[in-house]
């Protein structure tokens, strides 16, 4: 594809995504049925000016991070995502690396779970999406680096985490994370970033190194988490992990048991919360 064809493809994909598809209200007069540039830029977290330049063929060589964000925001299929990368002169993600693409079906599920905290993690526990209620509940400062967005790194290096653990719970959860990471290494042997993460954790955290060397893969089960939320104080919620079959993504969903004080706190958060930044699990 030429730069002009990339620009036309981006406009075509934007115009086919309706506001309701991404959980936005359809208000005001629209020249097309699709998203406005301002809406797409907000979802993809890139500037409107840069999006305009991409759609006008005036911007070249967008980064892999920008392409991944656009693919998620535009609800592209895997084939369309690969087309986007190639059109931009970039290599699509290889089969042997941890998938980071949120496909259209997964995106629709996440978009419809607006009344409960939801986040999406990769198989190596990198946070790639968090909805506003998750952000409001956890209230952890937005991660400035990829490492700080990785749940295993946060757990074993002592970064801030609003989840309240006993010593036994902390150890059990850590062992589960190490087992998950070992499974990811087996499934994605060509992922250099994953290999680097494991090497850095082994060098940084004696606890991680010890658990990594025992080769245990403990069973996982649904859990209840107590969170010290800056918005509503202590709240205890059910934590369920939903796995996608095609990309090994983990959708984490927090729910409150009906007619409890915790349910009331979550209701309060829905009204007052939607602010803050993404955090851990």
Protein backbone atom coordinates (compact mmCIF):
# COMPACT_ATOMS: atom_id res chain seq x y z
CA UNK A 1 0.00 0.00 0.00
CA UNK A 2 1.01 3.59 -0.57
CA UNK A 3 0.65 6.28 2.08
CA UNK A 4 -2.50 7.42 0.30
CA UNK A 5 -4.00 3.93 0.44
CA UNK A 6 -3.20 3.69 4.16
CA UNK A 7 -4.98 7.00 4.67
CA UNK A 8 -8.05 5.78 2.79
CA UNK A 9 -8.07 2.51 4.72
CA UNK A 10 -7.99 4.34 8.05
CA UNK A 11 -10.88 6.59 7.01
CA UNK A 12 -12.87 3.58 5.78
CA UNK A 13 -12.35 1.66 9.01
CA UNK A 14 -13.23 4.71 11.12
CA UNK A 15 -16.42 5.35 9.19
CA UNK A 16 -17.71 1.81 9.68
CA UNK A 17 -17.42 1.88 13.50
CA UNK A 18 -20.58 3.31 15.00
CA UNK A 19 -20.47 5.12 18.35
CA UNK A 20 -22.62 2.42 19.96
CA UNK A 21 -20.02 -0.18 18.93
CA UNK A 22 -17.51 1.40 21.32
CA UNK A 23 -19.94 2.42 24.07
CA UNK A 24 -20.32 6.07 23.04
CA UNK A 25 -23.60 8.01 22.78
CA UNK A 26 -24.64 8.92 19.26
CA UNK A 27 -25.29 12.65 19.66
CA UNK A 28 -25.18 15.59 17.30
CA UNK A 29 -25.23 15.72 13.52
CA UNK A 30 -22.79 13.36 11.82
CA UNK A 31 -21.60 13.64 8.25
CA UNK A 32 -20.99 9.87 8.29
CA UNK A 33 -22.31 7.04 10.43
CA UNK A 34 -18.92 6.28 11.92
CA UNK A 35 -16.73 7.74 14.61
CA UNK A 36 -15.59 11.33 14.60
CA UNK A 37 -11.84 11.84 14.54
CA UNK A 38 -12.01 13.29 18.05
CA UNK A 39 -13.72 10.13 19.29
CA UNK A 40 -11.22 7.78 17.66
CA UNK A 41 -8.26 9.80 18.93
CA UNK A 42 -9.64 9.63 22.48
CA UNK A 43 -10.19 5.85 22.31
CA UNK A 44 -6.77 5.19 20.76
CA UNK A 45 -5.11 7.81 23.01
CA UNK A 46 -3.36 9.59 20.17
CA UNK A 47 -3.67 13.27 19.28
CA UNK A 48 -6.34 14.45 16.87
CA UNK A 49 -3.67 16.29 14.88
CA UNK A 50 -1.67 13.11 14.39
CA UNK A 51 -4.77 11.16 13.36
CA UNK A 52 -5.61 13.88 10.82
CA UNK A 53 -2.11 13.67 9.37
CA UNK A 54 -2.38 9.87 9.12
CA UNK A 55 -5.74 10.11 7.37
CA UNK A 56 -4.41 12.75 5.00
CA UNK A 57 -1.30 10.75 4.14
CA UNK A 58 1.03 13.32 5.71
CA UNK A 59 2.37 11.12 8.54
CA UNK A 60 4.74 8.23 7.91
CA UNK A 61 6.08 5.31 9.94
CA UNK A 62 3.67 5.27 12.91
CA UNK A 63 5.04 3.33 15.86
CA UNK A 64 3.97 -0.21 16.74
CA UNK A 65 2.24 1.22 19.84
CA UNK A 66 0.17 3.60 17.70
CA UNK A 67 -0.74 0.84 15.25
CA UNK A 68 -1.80 -1.50 18.05
CA UNK A 69 -3.93 1.24 19.62
CA UNK A 70 -5.59 2.04 16.29
CA UNK A 71 -6.27 -1.64 15.59
CA UNK A 72 -7.99 -2.03 18.96
CA UNK A 73 -9.95 1.22 18.67
CA UNK A 74 -11.11 0.44 15.12
CA UNK A 75 -12.16 -3.10 16.08
CA UNK A 76 -10.02 -4.62 13.34
CA UNK A 77 -9.89 -8.35 12.77
CA UNK A 78 -6.50 -10.05 12.93
CA UNK A 79 -6.25 -9.96 9.14
CA UNK A 80 -7.13 -6.28 9.04
CA UNK A 81 -4.64 -5.57 11.81
CA UNK A 82 -1.90 -7.25 9.78
CA UNK A 83 -2.94 -5.20 6.74
CA UNK A 84 -2.69 -2.02 8.83
CA UNK A 85 0.85 -2.89 9.95
CA UNK A 86 2.03 -3.73 6.45
CA UNK A 87 0.40 -0.63 5.00
CA UNK A 88 2.33 1.43 7.53
CA UNK A 89 5.61 -0.27 6.58
CA UNK A 90 5.76 -2.31 9.80
CA UNK A 91 5.98 -6.03 10.42
CA UNK A 92 2.81 -7.55 11.93
CA UNK A 93 3.24 -9.33 15.28
CA UNK A 94 4.75 -12.77 14.72
CA UNK A 95 3.01 -16.01 15.69
CA UNK A 96 5.61 -16.84 18.32
CA UNK A 97 5.13 -13.69 20.40
CA UNK A 98 2.53 -12.90 23.05
CA UNK A 99 -0.65 -11.56 21.36
CA UNK A 100 -1.64 -8.03 22.35
CA UNK A 101 -4.48 -7.45 19.89
CA UNK A 102 -7.98 -7.16 21.33
CA UNK A 103 -10.21 -8.60 18.61
CA UNK A 104 -13.68 -7.29 17.73
CA UNK A 105 -15.56 -9.93 19.73
CA UNK A 106 -13.52 -9.40 22.87
CA UNK A 107 -13.82 -5.64 22.45
CA UNK A 108 -17.62 -5.89 22.22
CA UNK A 109 -17.74 -7.93 25.43
CA UNK A 110 -15.57 -5.40 27.27
CA UNK A 111 -17.54 -2.45 25.89
CA UNK A 112 -20.78 -3.84 27.27
CA UNK A 113 -19.43 -4.40 30.77
CA UNK A 114 -19.56 -0.71 31.63
CA UNK A 115 -21.15 -1.16 35.06
CA UNK A 116 -18.37 -3.29 36.55
CA UNK A 117 -14.57 -2.92 36.74
CA UNK A 118 -12.98 -4.70 33.76
CA UNK A 119 -9.41 -4.90 32.45
CA UNK A 120 -7.67 -6.90 29.73
CA UNK A 121 -4.22 -8.44 30.22
CA UNK A 122 -1.98 -10.42 27.89
CA UNK A 123 -0.79 -13.96 28.56
CA UNK A 124 2.31 -12.43 30.18
CA UNK A 125 0.12 -10.18 32.37
CA UNK A 126 0.73 -6.88 30.60
CA UNK A 127 -2.20 -4.53 31.10
CA UNK A 128 -3.49 -3.41 27.69
CA UNK A 129 -6.95 -2.04 28.53
CA UNK A 130 -8.84 -0.86 31.61
CA UNK A 131 -12.33 0.60 31.65
CA UNK A 132 -13.13 3.78 33.64
CA UNK A 133 -14.65 1.89 36.57
CA UNK A 134 -11.52 -0.26 36.95
CA UNK A 135 -9.48 2.92 36.90
CA UNK A 136 -11.68 4.56 39.52
CA UNK A 137 -11.69 1.49 41.78
CA UNK A 138 -7.95 0.87 41.85
CA UNK A 139 -6.75 4.47 41.75
CA UNK A 140 -3.11 3.54 41.12
CA UNK A 141 -0.97 6.14 39.37
CA UNK A 142 -0.86 5.53 35.63
CA UNK A 143 2.10 3.35 34.73
CA UNK A 144 4.79 5.36 32.97
CA UNK A 145 6.72 2.33 31.72
CA UNK A 146 5.86 -1.08 30.23
CA UNK A 147 7.34 -2.79 33.27
CA UNK A 148 5.02 -0.92 35.62
CA UNK A 149 2.06 -2.10 33.52
CA UNK A 150 3.02 -5.74 34.03
CA UNK A 151 1.23 -7.42 36.92
CA UNK A 152 3.99 -9.95 37.64
CA UNK A 153 6.61 -7.19 37.81
CA UNK A 154 4.42 -5.13 40.13
CA UNK A 155 3.78 -8.09 42.41
CA UNK A 156 7.40 -9.18 42.82
CA UNK A 157 9.08 -5.76 42.91
CA UNK A 158 6.78 -4.21 45.50
CA UNK A 159 5.16 -1.51 43.37
CA UNK A 160 1.99 0.03 44.79
CA UNK A 161 -1.03 -2.26 44.66
CA UNK A 162 -4.37 -1.44 46.30
CA UNK A 163 -5.31 -5.11 46.67
CA UNK A 164 -5.02 -6.17 50.32
CA UNK A 165 -3.37 -9.58 50.79
CA UNK A 166 -2.49 -11.71 53.78
CA UNK A 167 1.02 -13.19 53.61
CA UNK A 168 -0.46 -16.53 52.55
CA UNK A 169 -2.62 -14.93 49.84
CA UNK A 170 0.31 -12.89 48.54
CA UNK A 171 2.47 -16.00 48.24
CA UNK A 172 -0.28 -18.08 46.62
CA UNK A 173 -1.10 -15.36 44.11
CA UNK A 174 2.59 -14.93 43.28
CA UNK A 175 3.02 -18.66 42.67
CA UNK A 176 0.04 -18.58 40.32
CA UNK A 177 1.52 -15.65 38.38
CA UNK A 178 4.85 -17.46 38.00
CA UNK A 179 3.04 -20.54 36.70
CA UNK A 180 1.17 -18.38 34.19
CA UNK A 181 4.42 -16.77 33.04
CA UNK A 182 6.07 -20.16 32.58
CA UNK A 183 3.10 -21.25 30.47
CA UNK A 184 3.44 -18.11 28.36
CA UNK A 185 7.15 -18.83 27.83
CA UNK A 186 6.27 -22.30 26.54
CA UNK A 187 3.55 -20.98 24.23
CA UNK A 188 5.50 -17.99 22.90
CA UNK A 189 9.17 -18.99 22.76
CA UNK A 190 10.09 -16.28 20.25
CA UNK A 191 8.93 -13.36 22.40
CA UNK A 192 12.10 -11.48 23.32
CA UNK A 193 10.21 -9.08 25.56
CA UNK A 194 8.82 -11.95 27.61
CA UNK A 195 12.26 -13.56 27.90
CA UNK A 196 13.71 -10.23 29.04
CA UNK A 197 10.95 -9.83 31.63
CA UNK A 198 11.71 -13.25 33.14
CA UNK A 199 15.46 -12.57 33.15
CA UNK A 200 15.01 -9.20 34.87
CA UNK A 201 12.64 -10.65 37.44
CA UNK A 202 15.06 -13.47 38.25
CA UNK A 203 17.84 -10.91 38.73
CA UNK A 204 15.69 -8.46 40.70
CA UNK A 205 13.46 -10.61 42.90
CA UNK A 206 14.82 -13.56 44.92
CA UNK A 207 11.23 -14.64 45.61
CA UNK A 208 10.49 -14.82 41.89
CA UNK A 209 13.74 -16.66 41.18
CA UNK A 210 12.94 -19.26 43.85
CA UNK A 211 9.44 -19.88 42.51
CA UNK A 212 10.65 -19.96 38.92
CA UNK A 213 13.15 -22.67 39.72
CA UNK A 214 10.67 -25.00 41.41
CA UNK A 215 8.66 -25.51 38.17
CA UNK A 216 5.35 -25.64 40.03
CA UNK A 217 2.16 -24.74 38.14
CA UNK A 218 -0.52 -24.48 40.84
CA UNK A 219 -4.22 -24.72 39.95
CA UNK A 220 -6.13 -21.46 39.63
CA UNK A 221 -9.64 -20.79 40.90
CA UNK A 222 -11.98 -17.79 41.25
CA UNK A 223 -10.99 -15.52 44.11
CA UNK A 224 -12.38 -12.75 46.27
CA UNK A 225 -10.25 -9.62 46.51
CA UNK A 226 -10.29 -6.90 49.14
CA UNK A 227 -9.26 -3.58 47.63
CA UNK A 228 -8.34 -0.41 49.45
CA UNK A 229 -9.90 2.05 47.02
CA UNK A 230 -9.06 5.75 47.44
CA UNK A 231 -12.60 6.54 46.32
CA UNK A 232 -14.75 4.25 48.51
CA UNK A 233 -12.39 2.66 51.06
CA UNK A 234 -12.23 -1.09 51.64
CA UNK A 235 -14.40 -3.11 49.26
CA UNK A 236 -14.44 -6.90 48.76
CA UNK A 237 -15.36 -8.20 45.32
CA UNK A 238 -15.42 -11.45 43.38
CA UNK A 239 -12.56 -11.57 40.87
CA UNK A 240 -13.06 -13.75 37.78
CA UNK A 241 -10.59 -14.35 34.97
CA UNK A 242 -12.11 -14.99 31.53
CA UNK A 243 -9.70 -16.33 28.89
CA UNK A 244 -10.01 -15.84 25.13
CA UNK A 245 -9.33 -18.90 23.01
CA UNK A 246 -7.72 -17.24 20.02
CA UNK A 247 -5.25 -14.86 21.67
CA UNK A 248 -4.72 -15.97 25.30
CA UNK A 249 -5.95 -12.62 26.59
CA UNK A 250 -7.28 -12.51 30.15
CA UNK A 251 -10.37 -10.42 30.86
CA UNK A 252 -10.48 -9.61 34.57
CA UNK A 253 -13.92 -8.78 35.95
CA UNK A 254 -14.74 -7.56 39.47
CA UNK A 255 -18.33 -8.01 40.67
CA UNK A 256 -20.09 -7.40 43.97
CA UNK A 257 -22.49 -9.82 45.61
CA UNK A 258 -26.02 -8.38 45.47
CA UNK A 259 -27.53 -6.48 48.41
CA UNK A 260 -24.22 -6.09 50.26
CA UNK A 261 -22.31 -3.09 51.52
CA UNK A 262 -19.73 -3.80 48.84
CA UNK A 263 -22.41 -3.60 46.15
CA UNK A 264 -23.42 -0.22 47.55
CA UNK A 265 -19.82 1.01 47.38
CA UNK A 266 -19.57 -0.12 43.77
CA UNK A 267 -22.82 1.75 43.02
CA UNK A 268 -21.32 4.86 44.60
CA UNK A 269 -18.20 4.46 42.51
CA UNK A 270 -20.28 4.30 39.33
CA UNK A 271 -21.70 7.70 40.16
CA UNK A 272 -18.64 9.46 41.55
CA UNK A 273 -15.64 7.45 40.47
CA UNK A 274 -14.71 7.60 36.81
CA UNK A 275 -11.35 9.26 37.35
CA UNK A 276 -7.85 8.18 38.30
CA UNK A 277 -5.61 5.77 36.46
CA UNK A 278 -5.09 2.11 35.71
CA UNK A 279 -3.67 -0.25 38.29
CA UNK A 280 -3.05 -3.84 39.28
CA UNK A 281 -5.11 -6.87 40.08
